[in-house]
Amino acid sequence: MRILLAEDDPHISVVTQLCLEKMGGHQVVLREDGEAALETALREPFDLIILDGMMPKKGGLQVALELQAAGVWGTPIIFLSAKTDGKDIDQFLQMGRGYIAKPFDPQNICSRIEEIMGSGQGGQTR
């Protein structure tokens, strides 16, 4: 699977990328902010987009809204966020396929993604 991972924390992004590539066999493209993620998602096809909820320049929800407005709504989105307020989680689940709360164990990221993608519906994973 070709995955766009937008995460501004370099430790989280690199470790998550390594786990997705080495354990899941996925191809991962990293972006450090929402603006770069949006530009990349509009230029290149992805099977999955993983967005940090809070990033510089544009947050994950803003990126998802702009992708939807541009007609890139068919690509599943999973949000990563430290936000645990019910309202925030509801927004993530309305705009994406699922939500993974931070902190998370990067070694379990592949199984969590498979769980969310396999459900075919929005899901919260902690």
C-alpha atoms as a PDB file:
ATOM      1  CA  MET A   1       0.000   0.000   0.000  1.00  0.00           C
ATOM      2  CA  ARG A   2       1.235   3.511  -0.788  1.00  0.00           C
ATOM      3  CA  ILE A   3       0.802   5.728   2.290  1.00  0.00           C
ATOM      4  CA  LEU A   4       1.177   9.467   2.811  1.00  0.00           C
ATOM      5  CA  LEU A   5       2.192  10.103   6.431  1.00  0.00           C
ATOM      6  CA  ALA A   6       1.916  13.725   7.580  1.00  0.00           C
ATOM      7  CA  GLU A   7       3.432  14.107  11.049  1.00  0.00           C
ATOM      8  CA  ASP A   8       5.443  17.042  12.402  1.00  0.00           C
ATOM      9  CA  ASP A   9       7.188  15.158  15.223  1.00  0.00           C
ATOM     10  CA  PRO A  10      10.341  13.721  13.594  1.00  0.00           C
ATOM     11  CA  HIS A  11      10.653  10.894  16.124  1.00  0.00           C
ATOM     12  CA  ILE A  12       7.083   9.704  15.577  1.00  0.00           C
ATOM     13  CA  SER A  13       7.267  10.055  11.803  1.00  0.00           C
ATOM     14  CA  VAL A  14      10.553   8.184  11.353  1.00  0.00           C
ATOM     15  CA  VAL A  15       9.676   5.352  13.728  1.00  0.00           C
ATOM     16  CA  THR A  16       6.198   5.003  12.216  1.00  0.00           C
ATOM     17  CA  GLN A  17       7.638   5.032   8.698  1.00  0.00           C
ATOM     18  CA  LEU A  18      10.157   2.309   9.575  1.00  0.00           C
ATOM     19  CA  CYS A  19       7.476   0.120  11.129  1.00  0.00           C
ATOM     20  CA  LEU A  20       5.099   0.570   8.186  1.00  0.00           C
ATOM     21  CA  GLU A  21       7.834  -0.187   5.665  1.00  0.00           C
ATOM     22  CA  LYS A  22       9.681  -2.995   7.463  1.00  0.00           C
ATOM     23  CA  MET A  23       6.775  -4.762   9.163  1.00  0.00           C
ATOM     24  CA  GLY A  24       3.958  -3.919   6.780  1.00  0.00           C
ATOM     25  CA  GLY A  25       5.762  -3.807   3.457  1.00  0.00           C
ATOM     26  CA  HIS A  26       4.180  -0.436   2.668  1.00  0.00           C
ATOM     27  CA  GLN A  27       5.709   2.453   0.719  1.00  0.00           C
ATOM     28  CA  VAL A  28       5.598   5.599   2.882  1.00  0.00           C
ATOM     29  CA  VAL A  29       5.974   9.217   1.817  1.00  0.00           C
ATOM     30  CA  LEU A  30       6.653  11.591   4.739  1.00  0.00           C
ATOM     31  CA  ARG A  31       5.564  15.206   5.034  1.00  0.00           C
ATOM     32  CA  GLU A  32       6.223  17.460   8.070  1.00  0.00           C
ATOM     33  CA  ASP A  33       3.308  19.883   7.793  1.00  0.00           C
ATOM     34  CA  GLY A  34      -0.245  20.023   6.543  1.00  0.00           C
ATOM     35  CA  GLU A  35       0.457  22.322   3.617  1.00  0.00           C
ATOM     36  CA  ALA A  36       3.121  19.988   2.194  1.00  0.00           C
ATOM     37  CA  ALA A  37       0.846  16.992   2.801  1.00  0.00           C
ATOM     38  CA  LEU A  38      -2.014  18.657   0.931  1.00  0.00           C
ATOM     39  CA  GLU A  39       0.191  19.564  -2.029  1.00  0.00           C
ATOM     40  CA  THR A  40       1.552  16.019  -2.209  1.00  0.00           C
ATOM     41  CA  ALA A  41      -1.891  14.381  -1.927  1.00  0.00           C
ATOM     42  CA  LEU A  42      -3.190  16.569  -4.752  1.00  0.00           C
ATOM     43  CA  ARG A  43      -0.238  15.628  -7.012  1.00  0.00           C
ATOM     44  CA  GLU A  44       0.235  11.932  -6.291  1.00  0.00           C
ATOM     45  CA  PRO A  45      -2.112   8.961  -5.748  1.00  0.00           C
ATOM     46  CA  PHE A  46      -2.121   7.220  -2.357  1.00  0.00           C
ATOM     47  CA  ASP A  47      -3.977   4.208  -0.970  1.00  0.00           C
ATOM     48  CA  LEU A  48      -4.091   5.776   2.494  1.00  0.00           C
ATOM     49  CA  ILE A  49      -3.391   9.171   4.039  1.00  0.00           C
ATOM     50  CA  ILE A  50      -2.390   9.380   7.702  1.00  0.00           C
ATOM     51  CA  LEU A  51      -2.706  12.906   9.130  1.00  0.00           C
ATOM     52  CA  ASP A  52      -1.549  14.308  12.439  1.00  0.00           C
ATOM     53  CA  GLY A  53      -4.436  16.272  13.903  1.00  0.00           C
ATOM     54  CA  MET A  54      -2.229  19.219  14.858  1.00  0.00           C
ATOM     55  CA  MET A  55       0.506  20.239  12.434  1.00  0.00           C
ATOM     56  CA  PRO A  56       2.179  23.474  11.391  1.00  0.00           C
ATOM     57  CA  LYS A  57       0.594  25.485   8.572  1.00  0.00           C
ATOM     58  CA  LYS A  58      -2.562  23.296   8.334  1.00  0.00           C
ATOM     59  CA  GLY A  59      -3.965  20.784  10.778  1.00  0.00           C
ATOM     60  CA  GLY A  60      -5.184  17.369   9.741  1.00  0.00           C
ATOM     61  CA  LEU A  61      -8.862  18.339   9.677  1.00  0.00           C
ATOM     62  CA  GLN A  62      -8.151  21.336   7.436  1.00  0.00           C
ATOM     63  CA  VAL A  63      -6.147  19.118   5.068  1.00  0.00           C
ATOM     64  CA  ALA A  64      -9.023  16.607   4.952  1.00  0.00           C
ATOM     65  CA  LEU A  65     -11.550  19.360   4.220  1.00  0.00           C
ATOM     66  CA  GLU A  66      -9.420  20.733   1.397  1.00  0.00           C
ATOM     67  CA  LEU A  67      -8.887  17.260  -0.065  1.00  0.00           C
ATOM     68  CA  GLN A  68     -12.639  16.726  -0.002  1.00  0.00           C
ATOM     69  CA  ALA A  69     -13.232  20.073  -1.724  1.00  0.00           C
ATOM     70  CA  ALA A  70     -10.682  19.104  -4.403  1.00  0.00           C
ATOM     71  CA  GLY A  71     -12.421  15.777  -5.045  1.00  0.00           C
ATOM     72  CA  VAL A  72      -9.804  13.550  -3.397  1.00  0.00           C
ATOM     73  CA  TRP A  73     -12.404  12.213  -0.991  1.00  0.00           C
ATOM     74  CA  GLY A  74     -12.063   8.585  -2.108  1.00  0.00           C
ATOM     75  CA  THR A  75      -8.699   8.104  -0.414  1.00  0.00           C
ATOM     76  CA  PRO A  76      -9.131   6.806   3.150  1.00  0.00           C
ATOM     77  CA  ILE A  77      -7.776   9.045   5.910  1.00  0.00           C
ATOM     78  CA  ILE A  78      -6.688   7.986   9.387  1.00  0.00           C
ATOM     79  CA  PHE A  79      -5.950  10.684  11.962  1.00  0.00           C
ATOM     80  CA  LEU A  80      -3.220  10.542  14.607  1.00  0.00           C
ATOM     81  CA  SER A  81      -3.750  12.920  17.508  1.00  0.00           C
ATOM     82  CA  ALA A  82      -3.115  13.578  21.157  1.00  0.00           C
ATOM     83  CA  LYS A  83      -6.509  15.286  21.314  1.00  0.00           C
ATOM     84  CA  THR A  84      -8.803  13.167  23.450  1.00  0.00           C
ATOM     85  CA  ASP A  85     -11.821  15.442  23.763  1.00  0.00           C
ATOM     86  CA  GLY A  86     -14.985  13.758  22.507  1.00  0.00           C
ATOM     87  CA  LYS A  87     -15.777  16.650  20.158  1.00  0.00           C
ATOM     88  CA  ASP A  88     -12.344  16.415  18.522  1.00  0.00           C
ATOM     89  CA  ILE A  89     -12.578  12.656  18.145  1.00  0.00           C
ATOM     90  CA  ASP A  90     -16.048  12.982  16.597  1.00  0.00           C
ATOM     91  CA  GLN A  91     -14.637  15.403  14.018  1.00  0.00           C
ATOM     92  CA  PHE A  92     -11.803  13.025  13.174  1.00  0.00           C
ATOM     93  CA  LEU A  93     -14.228  10.138  12.744  1.00  0.00           C
ATOM     94  CA  GLN A  94     -16.568  12.211  10.580  1.00  0.00           C
ATOM     95  CA  MET A  95     -13.758  13.252   8.241  1.00  0.00           C
ATOM     96  CA  GLY A  96     -11.776  10.036   8.212  1.00  0.00           C
ATOM     97  CA  ARG A  97     -11.884   6.279   8.336  1.00  0.00           C
ATOM     98  CA  GLY A  98     -10.426   6.175  11.832  1.00  0.00           C
ATOM     99  CA  TYR A  99      -8.489   7.743  14.670  1.00  0.00           C
ATOM    100  CA  ILE A 100      -5.402   6.556  16.524  1.00  0.00           C
ATOM    101  CA  ALA A 101      -4.663   8.292  19.825  1.00  0.00           C
ATOM    102  CA  LYS A 102      -1.147   9.424  20.690  1.00  0.00           C
ATOM    103  CA  PRO A 103       0.917   8.130  22.245  1.00  0.00           C
ATOM    104  CA  PHE A 104       0.728   4.818  20.420  1.00  0.00           C
ATOM    105  CA  ASP A 105       3.088   1.889  20.022  1.00  0.00           C
ATOM    106  CA  PRO A 106       4.615   2.276  16.529  1.00  0.00           C
ATOM    107  CA  GLN A 107       5.223  -1.472  16.375  1.00  0.00           C
ATOM    108  CA  ASN A 108       1.449  -1.997  16.460  1.00  0.00           C
ATOM    109  CA  ILE A 109       0.657   0.639  13.834  1.00  0.00           C
ATOM    110  CA  CYS A 110       0.302  -1.888  10.990  1.00  0.00           C
ATOM    111  CA  SER A 111      -2.236  -4.004  12.855  1.00  0.00           C
ATOM    112  CA  ARG A 112      -4.144  -0.895  13.935  1.00  0.00           C
ATOM    113  CA  ILE A 113      -4.299   0.393  10.369  1.00  0.00           C
ATOM    114  CA  GLU A 114      -5.426  -3.016   9.109  1.00  0.00           C
ATOM    115  CA  GLU A 115      -8.102  -3.092  11.816  1.00  0.00           C
ATOM    116  CA  ILE A 116      -9.431   0.340  10.835  1.00  0.00           C
ATOM    117  CA  MET A 117      -9.224  -0.293   7.091  1.00  0.00           C
ATOM    118  CA  GLY A 118     -10.793  -3.720   7.454  1.00  0.00           C
ATOM    119  CA  SER A 119     -13.766  -2.387   9.344  1.00  0.00           C
ATOM    120  CA  GLY A 120     -14.823  -0.271   6.368  1.00  0.00           C
ATOM    121  CA  GLN A 121     -16.281   2.213   8.843  1.00  0.00           C
ATOM    122  CA  GLY A 122     -14.926   4.864  11.137  1.00  0.00           C
ATOM    123  CA  GLY A 123     -13.139   3.467  14.133  1.00  0.00           C
ATOM    124  CA  GLN A 124     -11.334   4.716  17.158  1.00  0.00           C
ATOM    125  CA  THR A 125      -8.136   2.958  18.093  1.00  0.00           C
ATOM    126  CA  ARG A 126      -6.173   3.679  21.226  1.00  0.00           C
END
